[in-house]
PDB file of N, CA and C in Angstrom:
ATOM      1  N   MET A   1      73.647  90.331 137.707  1.00  0.00           N
ATOM      2  CA  MET A   1      73.026  89.549 136.748  1.00  0.00           C
ATOM      3  C   MET A   1      74.016  88.769 136.047  1.00  0.00           C
ATOM      4  N   HIS A   2      73.771  87.493 135.710  1.00  0.00           N
ATOM      5  CA  HIS A   2      74.604  86.660 134.948  1.00  0.00           C
ATOM      6  C   HIS A   2      73.885  86.234 133.684  1.00  0.00           C
ATOM      7  N   ILE A   3      74.382  86.611 132.560  1.00  0.00           N
ATOM      8  CA  ILE A   3      73.755  86.247 131.240  1.00  0.00           C
ATOM      9  C   ILE A   3      74.263  84.887 130.947  1.00  0.00           C
ATOM     10  N   ILE A   4      73.339  83.908 130.805  1.00  0.00           N
ATOM     11  CA  ILE A   4      73.712  82.520 130.419  1.00  0.00           C
ATOM     12  C   ILE A   4      73.904  82.397 128.953  1.00  0.00           C
ATOM     13  N   GLU A   5      72.969  82.955 128.253  1.00  0.00           N
ATOM     14  CA  GLU A   5      72.980  82.808 126.725  1.00  0.00           C
ATOM     15  C   GLU A   5      72.418  84.132 126.124  1.00  0.00           C
ATOM     16  N   ALA A   6      72.962  84.502 125.001  1.00  0.00           N
ATOM     17  CA  ALA A   6      72.461  85.630 124.179  1.00  0.00           C
ATOM     18  C   ALA A   6      72.361  85.101 122.769  1.00  0.00           C
ATOM     19  N   VAL A   7      71.258  85.495 122.100  1.00  0.00           N
ATOM     20  CA  VAL A   7      71.071  85.057 120.743  1.00  0.00           C
ATOM     21  C   VAL A   7      71.163  86.292 119.828  1.00  0.00           C
ATOM     22  N   VAL A   8      71.991  86.204 118.798  1.00  0.00           N
ATOM     23  CA  VAL A   8      72.228  87.277 117.900  1.00  0.00           C
ATOM     24  C   VAL A   8      71.969  86.783 116.502  1.00  0.00           C
ATOM     25  N   THR A   9      71.279  87.557 115.648  1.00  0.00           N
ATOM     26  CA  THR A   9      71.117  87.143 114.291  1.00  0.00           C
ATOM     27  C   THR A   9      72.157  87.873 113.393  1.00  0.00           C
ATOM     28  N   ALA A  10      72.572  87.212 112.356  1.00  0.00           N
ATOM     29  CA  ALA A  10      73.529  87.809 111.438  1.00  0.00           C
ATOM     30  C   ALA A  10      73.171  87.473 110.030  1.00  0.00           C
ATOM     31  N   THR A  11      73.493  88.289 109.091  1.00  0.00           N
ATOM     32  CA  THR A  11      73.127  88.024 107.648  1.00  0.00           C
ATOM     33  C   THR A  11      74.046  86.982 107.030  1.00  0.00           C
ATOM     34  N   ASP A  12      75.205  86.689 107.635  1.00  0.00           N
ATOM     35  CA  ASP A  12      76.156  85.759 107.021  1.00  0.00           C
ATOM     36  C   ASP A  12      76.727  84.918 108.089  1.00  0.00           C
ATOM     37  N   LEU A  13      76.225  83.705 108.367  1.00  0.00           N
ATOM     38  CA  LEU A  13      76.736  82.791 109.388  1.00  0.00           C
ATOM     39  C   LEU A  13      78.183  82.333 109.162  1.00  0.00           C
ATOM     40  N   GLU A  14      78.614  82.187 107.965  1.00  0.00           N
ATOM     41  CA  GLU A  14      79.991  81.770 107.632  1.00  0.00           C
ATOM     42  C   GLU A  14      80.975  82.873 108.072  1.00  0.00           C
ATOM     43  N   ALA A  15      80.627  84.123 107.750  1.00  0.00           N
ATOM     44  CA  ALA A  15      81.488  85.231 108.189  1.00  0.00           C
ATOM     45  C   ALA A  15      81.430  85.384 109.697  1.00  0.00           C
ATOM     46  N   ALA A  16      80.304  85.173 110.383  1.00  0.00           N
ATOM     47  CA  ALA A  16      80.238  85.303 111.802  1.00  0.00           C
ATOM     48  C   ALA A  16      81.160  84.195 112.438  1.00  0.00           C
ATOM     49  N   ALA A  17      81.075  82.984 111.931  1.00  0.00           N
ATOM     50  CA  ALA A  17      81.916  81.849 112.487  1.00  0.00           C
ATOM     51  C   ALA A  17      83.366  82.224 112.253  1.00  0.00           C
ATOM     52  N   GLY A  18      83.710  82.773 111.139  1.00  0.00           N
ATOM     53  CA  GLY A  18      85.143  83.151 110.843  1.00  0.00           C
ATOM     54  C   GLY A  18      85.597  84.206 111.748  1.00  0.00           C
ATOM     55  N   PHE A  19      84.730  85.198 112.089  1.00  0.00           N
ATOM     56  CA  PHE A  19      85.087  86.260 113.048  1.00  0.00           C
ATOM     57  C   PHE A  19      85.423  85.658 114.423  1.00  0.00           C
ATOM     58  N   TYR A  20      84.552  84.904 114.950  1.00  0.00           N
ATOM     59  CA  TYR A  20      84.779  84.354 116.325  1.00  0.00           C
ATOM     60  C   TYR A  20      85.873  83.315 116.340  1.00  0.00           C
ATOM     61  N   ARG A  21      85.993  82.431 115.265  1.00  0.00           N
ATOM     62  CA  ARG A  21      86.946  81.398 115.313  1.00  0.00           C
ATOM     63  C   ARG A  21      88.372  81.948 114.806  1.00  0.00           C
ATOM     64  N   GLY A  22      88.396  82.707 113.772  1.00  0.00           N
ATOM     65  CA  GLY A  22      89.642  83.247 113.250  1.00  0.00           C
ATOM     66  C   GLY A  22      90.231  84.423 113.998  1.00  0.00           C
ATOM     67  N   LEU A  23      89.421  85.490 114.166  1.00  0.00           N
ATOM     68  CA  LEU A  23      89.988  86.705 114.774  1.00  0.00           C
ATOM     69  C   LEU A  23      90.074  86.604 116.285  1.00  0.00           C
ATOM     70  N   LEU A  24      88.961  86.066 116.962  1.00  0.00           N
ATOM     71  CA  LEU A  24      88.959  86.062 118.379  1.00  0.00           C
ATOM     72  C   LEU A  24      89.440  84.734 118.957  1.00  0.00           C
ATOM     73  N   GLU A  25      89.663  83.737 118.037  1.00  0.00           N
ATOM     74  CA  GLU A  25      90.229  82.435 118.461  1.00  0.00           C
ATOM     75  C   GLU A  25      89.361  81.714 119.519  1.00  0.00           C
ATOM     76  N   LEU A  26      88.046  81.832 119.340  1.00  0.00           N
ATOM     77  CA  LEU A  26      87.100  81.156 120.274  1.00  0.00           C
ATOM     78  C   LEU A  26      86.596  79.944 119.596  1.00  0.00           C
ATOM     79  N   PRO A  27      86.207  78.867 120.453  1.00  0.00           N
ATOM     80  CA  PRO A  27      85.663  77.680 119.836  1.00  0.00           C
ATOM     81  C   PRO A  27      84.278  77.944 119.328  1.00  0.00           C
ATOM     82  N   VAL A  28      83.990  77.588 118.094  1.00  0.00           N
ATOM     83  CA  VAL A  28      82.751  77.693 117.368  1.00  0.00           C
ATOM     84  C   VAL A  28      82.173  76.364 117.079  1.00  0.00           C
ATOM     85  N   THR A  29      80.918  76.105 117.589  1.00  0.00           N
ATOM     86  CA  THR A  29      80.229  74.860 117.299  1.00  0.00           C
ATOM     87  C   THR A  29      79.150  75.136 116.292  1.00  0.00           C
ATOM     88  N   GLU A  30      79.148  74.430 115.179  1.00  0.00           N
ATOM     89  CA  GLU A  30      78.133  74.635 114.174  1.00  0.00           C
ATOM     90  C   GLU A  30      76.905  73.771 114.423  1.00  0.00           C
ATOM     91  N   HIS A  31      75.722  74.289 114.253  1.00  0.00           N
ATOM     92  CA  HIS A  31      74.489  73.668 114.390  1.00  0.00           C
ATOM     93  C   HIS A  31      73.718  73.822 113.068  1.00  0.00           C
ATOM     94  N   PRO A  32      72.657  73.012 112.871  1.00  0.00           N
ATOM     95  CA  PRO A  32      71.870  73.134 111.657  1.00  0.00           C
ATOM     96  C   PRO A  32      71.216  74.502 111.483  1.00  0.00           C
ATOM     97  N   ASP A  33      70.885  75.180 112.610  1.00  0.00           N
ATOM     98  CA  ASP A  33      70.244  76.478 112.560  1.00  0.00           C
ATOM     99  C   ASP A  33      71.130  77.644 112.880  1.00  0.00           C
ATOM    100  N   GLY A  34      72.434  77.398 113.046  1.00  0.00           N
ATOM    101  CA  GLY A  34      73.352  78.510 113.429  1.00  0.00           C
ATOM    102  C   GLY A  34      74.604  78.066 114.046  1.00  0.00           C
ATOM    103  N   ILE A  35      75.258  78.888 114.790  1.00  0.00           N
ATOM    104  CA  ILE A  35      76.505  78.545 115.415  1.00  0.00           C
ATOM    105  C   ILE A  35      76.455  78.977 116.906  1.00  0.00           C
ATOM    106  N   ALA A  36      77.280  78.280 117.688  1.00  0.00           N
ATOM    107  CA  ALA A  36      77.306  78.593 119.165  1.00  0.00           C
ATOM    108  C   ALA A  36      78.781  78.915 119.469  1.00  0.00           C
ATOM    109  N   ILE A  37      79.022  79.916 120.359  1.00  0.00           N
ATOM    110  CA  ILE A  37      80.334  80.234 120.767  1.00  0.00           C
ATOM    111  C   ILE A  37      80.306  80.402 122.291  1.00  0.00           C
ATOM    112  N   ASP A  38      81.113  79.557 122.968  1.00  0.00           N
ATOM    113  CA  ASP A  38      81.272  79.582 124.396  1.00  0.00           C
ATOM    114  C   ASP A  38      82.265  80.738 124.765  1.00  0.00           C
ATOM    115  N   ILE A  39      81.809  81.663 125.605  1.00  0.00           N
ATOM    116  CA  ILE A  39      82.695  82.703 126.033  1.00  0.00           C
ATOM    117  C   ILE A  39      82.629  82.767 127.486  1.00  0.00           C
ATOM    118  N   GLY A  40      83.610  82.340 128.198  1.00  0.00           N
ATOM    119  CA  GLY A  40      83.673  82.276 129.598  1.00  0.00           C
ATOM    120  C   GLY A  40      82.516  81.351 130.064  1.00  0.00           C
ATOM    121  N   SER A  41      81.618  81.761 130.980  1.00  0.00           N
ATOM    122  CA  SER A  41      80.526  80.960 131.453  1.00  0.00           C
ATOM    123  C   SER A  41      79.313  81.292 130.654  1.00  0.00           C
ATOM    124  N   SER A  42      79.387  81.996 129.598  1.00  0.00           N
ATOM    125  CA  SER A  42      78.201  82.396 128.765  1.00  0.00           C
ATOM    126  C   SER A  42      78.307  81.803 127.386  1.00  0.00           C
ATOM    127  N   ARG A  43      77.218  81.733 126.686  1.00  0.00           N
ATOM    128  CA  ARG A  43      77.182  81.149 125.352  1.00  0.00           C
ATOM    129  C   ARG A  43      76.467  82.202 124.430  1.00  0.00           C
ATOM    130  N   LEU A  44      77.121  82.437 123.286  1.00  0.00           N
ATOM    131  CA  LEU A  44      76.551  83.289 122.277  1.00  0.00           C
ATOM    132  C   LEU A  44      76.033  82.376 121.148  1.00  0.00           C
ATOM    133  N   ILE A  45      74.850  82.506 120.743  1.00  0.00           N
ATOM    134  CA  ILE A  45      74.188  81.773 119.747  1.00  0.00           C
ATOM    135  C   ILE A  45      73.973  82.746 118.571  1.00  0.00           C
ATOM    136  N   VAL A  46      74.467  82.367 117.339  1.00  0.00           N
ATOM    137  CA  VAL A  46      74.237  83.186 116.205  1.00  0.00           C
ATOM    138  C   VAL A  46      73.413  82.447 115.164  1.00  0.00           C
ATOM    139  N   VAL A  47      72.265  83.073 114.765  1.00  0.00           N
ATOM    140  CA  VAL A  47      71.419  82.444 113.770  1.00  0.00           C
ATOM    141  C   VAL A  47      71.207  83.404 112.619  1.00  0.00           C
ATOM    142  N   GLU A  48      70.812  82.884 111.455  1.00  0.00           N
ATOM    143  CA  GLU A  48      70.704  83.722 110.335  1.00  0.00           C
ATOM    144  C   GLU A  48      69.443  84.577 110.456  1.00  0.00           C
ATOM    145  N   GLY A  49      69.542  85.884 110.081  1.00  0.00           N
ATOM    146  CA  GLY A  49      68.472  86.833 110.175  1.00  0.00           C
ATOM    147  C   GLY A  49      68.606  88.017 109.197  1.00  0.00           C
ATOM    148  N   ALA A  50      67.585  88.813 109.084  1.00  0.00           N
ATOM    149  CA  ALA A  50      67.678  89.946 108.249  1.00  0.00           C
ATOM    150  C   ALA A  50      68.524  91.034 108.839  1.00  0.00           C
ATOM    151  N   PRO A  51      68.971  92.017 108.044  1.00  0.00           N
ATOM    152  CA  PRO A  51      69.757  93.131 108.562  1.00  0.00           C
ATOM    153  C   PRO A  51      68.865  93.982 109.563  1.00  0.00           C
ATOM    154  N   PHE A  52      69.578  94.571 110.509  1.00  0.00           N
ATOM    155  CA  PHE A  52      68.979  95.328 111.558  1.00  0.00           C
ATOM    156  C   PHE A  52      69.441  96.777 111.421  1.00  0.00           C
ATOM    157  N   GLN A  53      68.505  97.659 111.612  1.00  0.00           N
ATOM    158  CA  GLN A  53      68.767  99.129 111.546  1.00  0.00           C
ATOM    159  C   GLN A  53      68.792  99.600 113.005  1.00  0.00           C
ATOM    160  N   GLY A  54      69.892 100.036 113.505  1.00  0.00           N
ATOM    161  CA  GLY A  54      69.904 100.468 114.928  1.00  0.00           C
ATOM    162  C   GLY A  54      71.226 100.271 115.492  1.00  0.00           C
ATOM    163  N   VAL A  55      71.287 100.317 116.870  1.00  0.00           N
ATOM    164  CA  VAL A  55      72.591 100.158 117.561  1.00  0.00           C
ATOM    165  C   VAL A  55      72.431  99.021 118.551  1.00  0.00           C
ATOM    166  N   HIS A  56      73.526  98.301 118.637  1.00  0.00           N
ATOM    167  CA  HIS A  56      73.584  97.152 119.637  1.00  0.00           C
ATOM    168  C   HIS A  56      74.818  97.321 120.443  1.00  0.00           C
ATOM    169  N   HIS A  57      74.745  96.727 121.641  1.00  0.00           N
ATOM    170  CA  HIS A  57      75.882  96.599 122.494  1.00  0.00           C
ATOM    171  C   HIS A  57      75.842  95.201 123.135  1.00  0.00           C
ATOM    172  N   LEU A  58      76.971  94.473 122.991  1.00  0.00           N
ATOM    173  CA  LEU A  58      77.039  93.149 123.602  1.00  0.00           C
ATOM    174  C   LEU A  58      78.374  92.987 124.206  1.00  0.00           C
ATOM    175  N   ALA A  59      78.372  92.601 125.512  1.00  0.00           N
ATOM    176  CA  ALA A  59      79.636  92.445 126.280  1.00  0.00           C
ATOM    177  C   ALA A  59      79.636  91.245 127.091  1.00  0.00           C
ATOM    178  N   PHE A  60      80.831  90.644 127.331  1.00  0.00           N
ATOM    179  CA  PHE A  60      80.976  89.477 128.083  1.00  0.00           C
ATOM    180  C   PHE A  60      82.046  89.758 129.112  1.00  0.00           C
ATOM    181  N   GLY A  61      81.859  89.251 130.359  1.00  0.00           N
ATOM    182  CA  GLY A  61      82.830  89.446 131.384  1.00  0.00           C
ATOM    183  C   GLY A  61      84.031  88.484 131.160  1.00  0.00           C
ATOM    184  N   ILE A  62      85.201  89.067 131.060  1.00  0.00           N
ATOM    185  CA  ILE A  62      86.432  88.372 130.826  1.00  0.00           C
ATOM    186  C   ILE A  62      87.447  88.964 131.741  1.00  0.00           C
ATOM    187  N   SER A  63      88.119  88.156 132.507  1.00  0.00           N
ATOM    188  CA  SER A  63      89.075  88.614 133.471  1.00  0.00           C
ATOM    189  C   SER A  63      90.242  89.307 132.735  1.00  0.00           C
ATOM    190  N   PRO A  64      90.800  90.398 133.345  1.00  0.00           N
ATOM    191  CA  PRO A  64      91.957  91.010 132.688  1.00  0.00           C
ATOM    192  C   PRO A  64      93.166  90.019 132.389  1.00  0.00           C
ATOM    193  N   HIS A  65      93.338  89.059 133.217  1.00  0.00           N
ATOM    194  CA  HIS A  65      94.342  88.078 132.959  1.00  0.00           C
ATOM    195  C   HIS A  65      94.038  87.271 131.685  1.00  0.00           C
ATOM    196  N   ASP A  66      92.813  86.777 131.596  1.00  0.00           N
ATOM    197  CA  ASP A  66      92.431  85.957 130.467  1.00  0.00           C
ATOM    198  C   ASP A  66      92.441  86.788 129.193  1.00  0.00           C
ATOM    199  N   PHE A  67      92.049  88.092 129.297  1.00  0.00           N
ATOM    200  CA  PHE A  67      91.994  89.021 128.154  1.00  0.00           C
ATOM    201  C   PHE A  67      93.465  89.151 127.645  1.00  0.00           C
ATOM    202  N   GLU A  68      94.388  89.410 128.567  1.00  0.00           N
ATOM    203  CA  GLU A  68      95.767  89.673 128.168  1.00  0.00           C
ATOM    204  C   GLU A  68      96.397  88.369 127.556  1.00  0.00           C
ATOM    205  N   GLN A  69      95.903  87.261 127.824  1.00  0.00           N
ATOM    206  CA  GLN A  69      96.488  86.005 127.268  1.00  0.00           C
ATOM    207  C   GLN A  69      95.986  85.751 125.839  1.00  0.00           C
ATOM    208  N   THR A  70      95.119  86.519 125.361  1.00  0.00           N
ATOM    209  CA  THR A  70      94.568  86.286 123.968  1.00  0.00           C
ATOM    210  C   THR A  70      95.203  87.313 123.071  1.00  0.00           C
ATOM    211  N   ALA A  71      94.941  87.104 121.816  1.00  0.00           N
ATOM    212  CA  ALA A  71      95.457  88.025 120.730  1.00  0.00           C
ATOM    213  C   ALA A  71      94.424  89.153 120.527  1.00  0.00           C
ATOM    214  N   TRP A  72      93.346  89.224 121.277  1.00  0.00           N
ATOM    215  CA  TRP A  72      92.276  90.163 121.036  1.00  0.00           C
ATOM    216  C   TRP A  72      92.705  91.642 120.943  1.00  0.00           C
ATOM    217  N   PRO A  73      93.536  92.155 121.948  1.00  0.00           N
ATOM    218  CA  PRO A  73      93.756  93.572 121.889  1.00  0.00           C
ATOM    219  C   PRO A  73      94.377  94.021 120.561  1.00  0.00           C
ATOM    220  N   VAL A  74      95.345  93.310 120.082  1.00  0.00           N
ATOM    221  CA  VAL A  74      95.996  93.646 118.859  1.00  0.00           C
ATOM    222  C   VAL A  74      95.099  93.352 117.613  1.00  0.00           C
ATOM    223  N   ALA A  75      94.488  92.171 117.648  1.00  0.00           N
ATOM    224  CA  ALA A  75      93.627  91.795 116.547  1.00  0.00           C
ATOM    225  C   ALA A  75      92.453  92.733 116.320  1.00  0.00           C
ATOM    226  N   LEU A  76      91.818  93.110 117.427  1.00  0.00           N
ATOM    227  CA  LEU A  76      90.675  94.008 117.372  1.00  0.00           C
ATOM    228  C   LEU A  76      91.053  95.400 116.951  1.00  0.00           C
ATOM    229  N   SER A  77      92.221  95.889 117.335  1.00  0.00           N
ATOM    230  CA  SER A  77      92.621  97.233 116.971  1.00  0.00           C
ATOM    231  C   SER A  77      93.114  97.326 115.574  1.00  0.00           C
ATOM    232  N   GLN A  78      93.552  96.229 114.941  1.00  0.00           N
ATOM    233  CA  GLN A  78      94.067  96.233 113.630  1.00  0.00           C
ATOM    234  C   GLN A  78      93.193  95.679 112.531  1.00  0.00           C
ATOM    235  N   SER A  79      91.940  95.313 112.908  1.00  0.00           N
ATOM    236  CA  SER A  79      91.098  94.607 111.975  1.00  0.00           C
ATOM    237  C   SER A  79      89.906  95.445 111.627  1.00  0.00           C
ATOM    238  N   SER A  80      89.564  95.414 110.302  1.00  0.00           N
ATOM    239  CA  SER A  80      88.298  96.005 109.893  1.00  0.00           C
ATOM    240  C   SER A  80      87.204  94.905 109.957  1.00  0.00           C
ATOM    241  N   ALA A  81      87.574  93.632 110.299  1.00  0.00           N
ATOM    242  CA  ALA A  81      86.610  92.552 110.542  1.00  0.00           C
ATOM    243  C   ALA A  81      85.608  92.973 111.648  1.00  0.00           C
ATOM    244  N   CYS A  82      86.094  93.667 112.600  1.00  0.00           N
ATOM    245  CA  CYS A  82      85.175  94.066 113.682  1.00  0.00           C
ATOM    246  C   CYS A  82      84.030  94.888 113.220  1.00  0.00           C
ATOM    247  N   LEU A  83      84.359  95.957 112.494  1.00  0.00           N
ATOM    248  CA  LEU A  83      83.292  96.796 111.945  1.00  0.00           C
ATOM    249  C   LEU A  83      82.476  96.001 110.947  1.00  0.00           C
ATOM    250  N   ALA A  84      83.049  95.216 110.106  1.00  0.00           N
ATOM    251  CA  ALA A  84      82.250  94.421 109.161  1.00  0.00           C
ATOM    252  C   ALA A  84      81.295  93.517 109.887  1.00  0.00           C
ATOM    253  N   TYR A  85      81.726  92.915 110.998  1.00  0.00           N
ATOM    254  CA  TYR A  85      80.907  92.013 111.723  1.00  0.00           C
ATOM    255  C   TYR A  85      79.755  92.724 112.412  1.00  0.00           C
ATOM    256  N   MET A  86      80.059  93.885 112.973  1.00  0.00           N
ATOM    257  CA  MET A  86      79.027  94.673 113.580  1.00  0.00           C
ATOM    258  C   MET A  86      77.910  95.157 112.654  1.00  0.00           C
ATOM    259  N   GLU A  87      78.385  95.445 111.407  1.00  0.00           N
ATOM    260  CA  GLU A  87      77.405  95.772 110.365  1.00  0.00           C
ATOM    261  C   GLU A  87      76.487  94.582 109.983  1.00  0.00           C
ATOM    262  N   MET A  88      76.998  93.344 110.221  1.00  0.00           N
ATOM    263  CA  MET A  88      76.289  92.113 109.757  1.00  0.00           C
ATOM    264  C   MET A  88      75.271  91.792 110.866  1.00  0.00           C
ATOM    265  N   LEU A  89      75.396  92.202 112.088  1.00  0.00           N
ATOM    266  CA  LEU A  89      74.515  91.805 113.133  1.00  0.00           C
ATOM    267  C   LEU A  89      73.064  92.348 112.781  1.00  0.00           C
ATOM    268  N   ALA A  90      72.139  91.508 113.066  1.00  0.00           N
ATOM    269  CA  ALA A  90      70.765  91.836 112.692  1.00  0.00           C
ATOM    270  C   ALA A  90      69.882  92.077 113.928  1.00  0.00           C
ATOM    271  N   ASP A  91      69.985  91.276 115.038  1.00  0.00           N
ATOM    272  CA  ASP A  91      69.132  91.297 116.113  1.00  0.00           C
ATOM    273  C   ASP A  91      69.792  90.642 117.309  1.00  0.00           C
ATOM    274  N   ILE A  92      69.465  91.062 118.511  1.00  0.00           N
ATOM    275  CA  ILE A  92      70.000  90.516 119.718  1.00  0.00           C
ATOM    276  C   ILE A  92      68.863  90.152 120.667  1.00  0.00           C
ATOM    277  N   ARG A  93      68.842  88.974 121.201  1.00  0.00           N
ATOM    278  CA  ARG A  93      67.936  88.538 122.240  1.00  0.00           C
ATOM    279  C   ARG A  93      68.708  87.887 123.388  1.00  0.00           C
ATOM    280  N   CYS A  94      68.406  88.130 124.555  1.00  0.00           N
ATOM    281  CA  CYS A  94      69.120  87.553 125.699  1.00  0.00           C
ATOM    282  C   CYS A  94      68.182  86.860 126.632  1.00  0.00           C
ATOM    283  N   SER A  95      68.788  85.773 127.249  1.00  0.00           N
ATOM    284  CA  SER A  95      68.034  85.121 128.378  1.00  0.00           C
ATOM    285  C   SER A  95      68.994  84.919 129.562  1.00  0.00           C
ATOM    286  N   SER A  96      68.455  85.145 130.681  1.00  0.00           N
ATOM    287  CA  SER A  96      69.319  84.955 131.881  1.00  0.00           C
ATOM    288  C   SER A  96      68.723  83.967 132.814  1.00  0.00           C
TER     289      SER A  96
END
């Protein structure tokens, strides 16, 4: 299965944009109703939404070479922004 697009809601779009742009160094495109992040051949859409009670898992296929070329391993292991962002997620919807 190849996921083309996943839609996630978050309570704070500015913080979500900062997480993807600042910590993960991904290109973030702002739209009137949210933000879009291109990750490999997939796109993550983040729109504003109410807090969600539950557990989510969201993963994107990234080659080991591409992953090693990023600052992600160190940034993710040393940042509380990951946990803060995960707490901000409200809902996930996917389309393939």
